[in-house]
């Protein structure tokens, strides 16, 4: 998969989502986002992944928990 203009590496994703790399990795581990890996092995987040991470960050700042299920069920 070649890196398109709209795809983001984890460090760029951190900047635009306001989340730490550790938090983004956690969201990957619990399957809230499923980024692709490029031929170089780097994680590449799609625009949909970035939108989802932004939503998750806002929800957490508003006091929602990932465990309560409502945040985890976003489209």
C-alpha atoms as a PDB file:
ATOM      1  CA  UNK A   1       0.000   0.000   0.000  1.00  0.00           C
ATOM      2  CA  UNK A   2       1.463   3.330  -0.954  1.00  0.00           C
ATOM      3  CA  UNK A   3       1.068   6.220   1.372  1.00  0.00           C
ATOM      4  CA  UNK A   4      -1.581   8.591   0.092  1.00  0.00           C
ATOM      5  CA  UNK A   5      -1.956  12.231   0.912  1.00  0.00           C
ATOM      6  CA  UNK A   6      -4.801  11.586   3.328  1.00  0.00           C
ATOM      7  CA  UNK A   7      -3.052   8.881   5.318  1.00  0.00           C
ATOM      8  CA  UNK A   8      -1.193   9.670   8.519  1.00  0.00           C
ATOM      9  CA  UNK A   9       1.645   8.062  10.404  1.00  0.00           C
ATOM     10  CA  UNK A  10       1.218   7.689  14.164  1.00  0.00           C
ATOM     11  CA  UNK A  11       3.255  10.824  15.012  1.00  0.00           C
ATOM     12  CA  UNK A  12       1.187  13.017  12.681  1.00  0.00           C
ATOM     13  CA  UNK A  13      -1.969  11.380  13.991  1.00  0.00           C
ATOM     14  CA  UNK A  14      -0.937  12.318  17.545  1.00  0.00           C
ATOM     15  CA  UNK A  15      -0.635  15.955  16.529  1.00  0.00           C
ATOM     16  CA  UNK A  16      -3.979  16.220  14.765  1.00  0.00           C
ATOM     17  CA  UNK A  17      -5.943  14.099  17.266  1.00  0.00           C
ATOM     18  CA  UNK A  18      -4.469  15.454  20.481  1.00  0.00           C
ATOM     19  CA  UNK A  19      -3.717  11.951  21.755  1.00  0.00           C
ATOM     20  CA  UNK A  20      -0.449  10.393  22.836  1.00  0.00           C
ATOM     21  CA  UNK A  21       1.187   7.615  20.834  1.00  0.00           C
ATOM     22  CA  UNK A  22       0.605   5.299  23.796  1.00  0.00           C
ATOM     23  CA  UNK A  23      -3.133   6.071  23.755  1.00  0.00           C
ATOM     24  CA  UNK A  24      -3.352   5.509  20.010  1.00  0.00           C
ATOM     25  CA  UNK A  25      -1.534   2.170  20.368  1.00  0.00           C
ATOM     26  CA  UNK A  26      -4.016   1.181  23.088  1.00  0.00           C
ATOM     27  CA  UNK A  27      -6.940   2.010  20.782  1.00  0.00           C
ATOM     28  CA  UNK A  28      -5.290  -0.204  18.151  1.00  0.00           C
ATOM     29  CA  UNK A  29      -4.861  -3.071  20.651  1.00  0.00           C
ATOM     30  CA  UNK A  30      -8.528  -3.041  21.635  1.00  0.00           C
ATOM     31  CA  UNK A  31      -9.564  -2.781  17.959  1.00  0.00           C
ATOM     32  CA  UNK A  32     -11.163   0.656  18.047  1.00  0.00           C
ATOM     33  CA  UNK A  33      -9.048   1.610  15.031  1.00  0.00           C
ATOM     34  CA  UNK A  34      -7.468  -0.680  12.459  1.00  0.00           C
ATOM     35  CA  UNK A  35      -4.722   1.154  10.599  1.00  0.00           C
ATOM     36  CA  UNK A  36      -2.929  -0.453   7.676  1.00  0.00           C
ATOM     37  CA  UNK A  37       0.802  -1.134   7.522  1.00  0.00           C
ATOM     38  CA  UNK A  38       2.759   0.209   4.604  1.00  0.00           C
ATOM     39  CA  UNK A  39       5.524  -1.695   2.817  1.00  0.00           C
ATOM     40  CA  UNK A  40       8.024   0.048   5.090  1.00  0.00           C
ATOM     41  CA  UNK A  41       6.237  -1.357   8.162  1.00  0.00           C
ATOM     42  CA  UNK A  42       4.918   2.006   9.362  1.00  0.00           C
ATOM     43  CA  UNK A  43       1.354   2.256  10.543  1.00  0.00           C
ATOM     44  CA  UNK A  44      -0.826   4.370   8.250  1.00  0.00           C
ATOM     45  CA  UNK A  45      -4.089   5.809   9.526  1.00  0.00           C
ATOM     46  CA  UNK A  46      -6.879   6.510   7.061  1.00  0.00           C
ATOM     47  CA  UNK A  47      -9.001   9.662   7.292  1.00  0.00           C
ATOM     48  CA  UNK A  48     -11.712   7.496   8.888  1.00  0.00           C
ATOM     49  CA  UNK A  49      -9.226   6.291  11.543  1.00  0.00           C
ATOM     50  CA  UNK A  50      -8.203   9.886  12.275  1.00  0.00           C
ATOM     51  CA  UNK A  51     -11.836  10.973  12.573  1.00  0.00           C
ATOM     52  CA  UNK A  52     -12.532   8.080  14.944  1.00  0.00           C
ATOM     53  CA  UNK A  53      -9.489   8.907  17.107  1.00  0.00           C
ATOM     54  CA  UNK A  54     -10.543  12.556  17.317  1.00  0.00           C
ATOM     55  CA  UNK A  55     -14.013  11.453  18.416  1.00  0.00           C
ATOM     56  CA  UNK A  56     -12.583   9.079  21.023  1.00  0.00           C
ATOM     57  CA  UNK A  57     -10.352  11.840  22.396  1.00  0.00           C
ATOM     58  CA  UNK A  58     -13.262  14.272  22.666  1.00  0.00           C
ATOM     59  CA  UNK A  59     -15.460  11.632  24.298  1.00  0.00           C
ATOM     60  CA  UNK A  60     -12.790  10.865  26.909  1.00  0.00           C
ATOM     61  CA  UNK A  61     -12.330  14.574  27.671  1.00  0.00           C
ATOM     62  CA  UNK A  62     -16.099  14.819  28.199  1.00  0.00           C
ATOM     63  CA  UNK A  63     -15.953  11.997  30.726  1.00  0.00           C
ATOM     64  CA  UNK A  64     -17.108   9.008  28.698  1.00  0.00           C
ATOM     65  CA  UNK A  65     -15.427   5.685  29.345  1.00  0.00           C
ATOM     66  CA  UNK A  66     -14.319   3.227  26.692  1.00  0.00           C
ATOM     67  CA  UNK A  67     -15.695   0.474  28.906  1.00  0.00           C
ATOM     68  CA  UNK A  68     -19.240   1.822  29.027  1.00  0.00           C
ATOM     69  CA  UNK A  69     -19.774   0.672  25.451  1.00  0.00           C
ATOM     70  CA  UNK A  70     -21.373   3.834  24.114  1.00  0.00           C
ATOM     71  CA  UNK A  71     -18.079   5.283  22.919  1.00  0.00           C
ATOM     72  CA  UNK A  72     -16.851   1.979  21.521  1.00  0.00           C
ATOM     73  CA  UNK A  73     -19.908   1.658  19.258  1.00  0.00           C
ATOM     74  CA  UNK A  74     -19.244   4.710  17.115  1.00  0.00           C
ATOM     75  CA  UNK A  75     -19.375   4.194  13.338  1.00  0.00           C
END
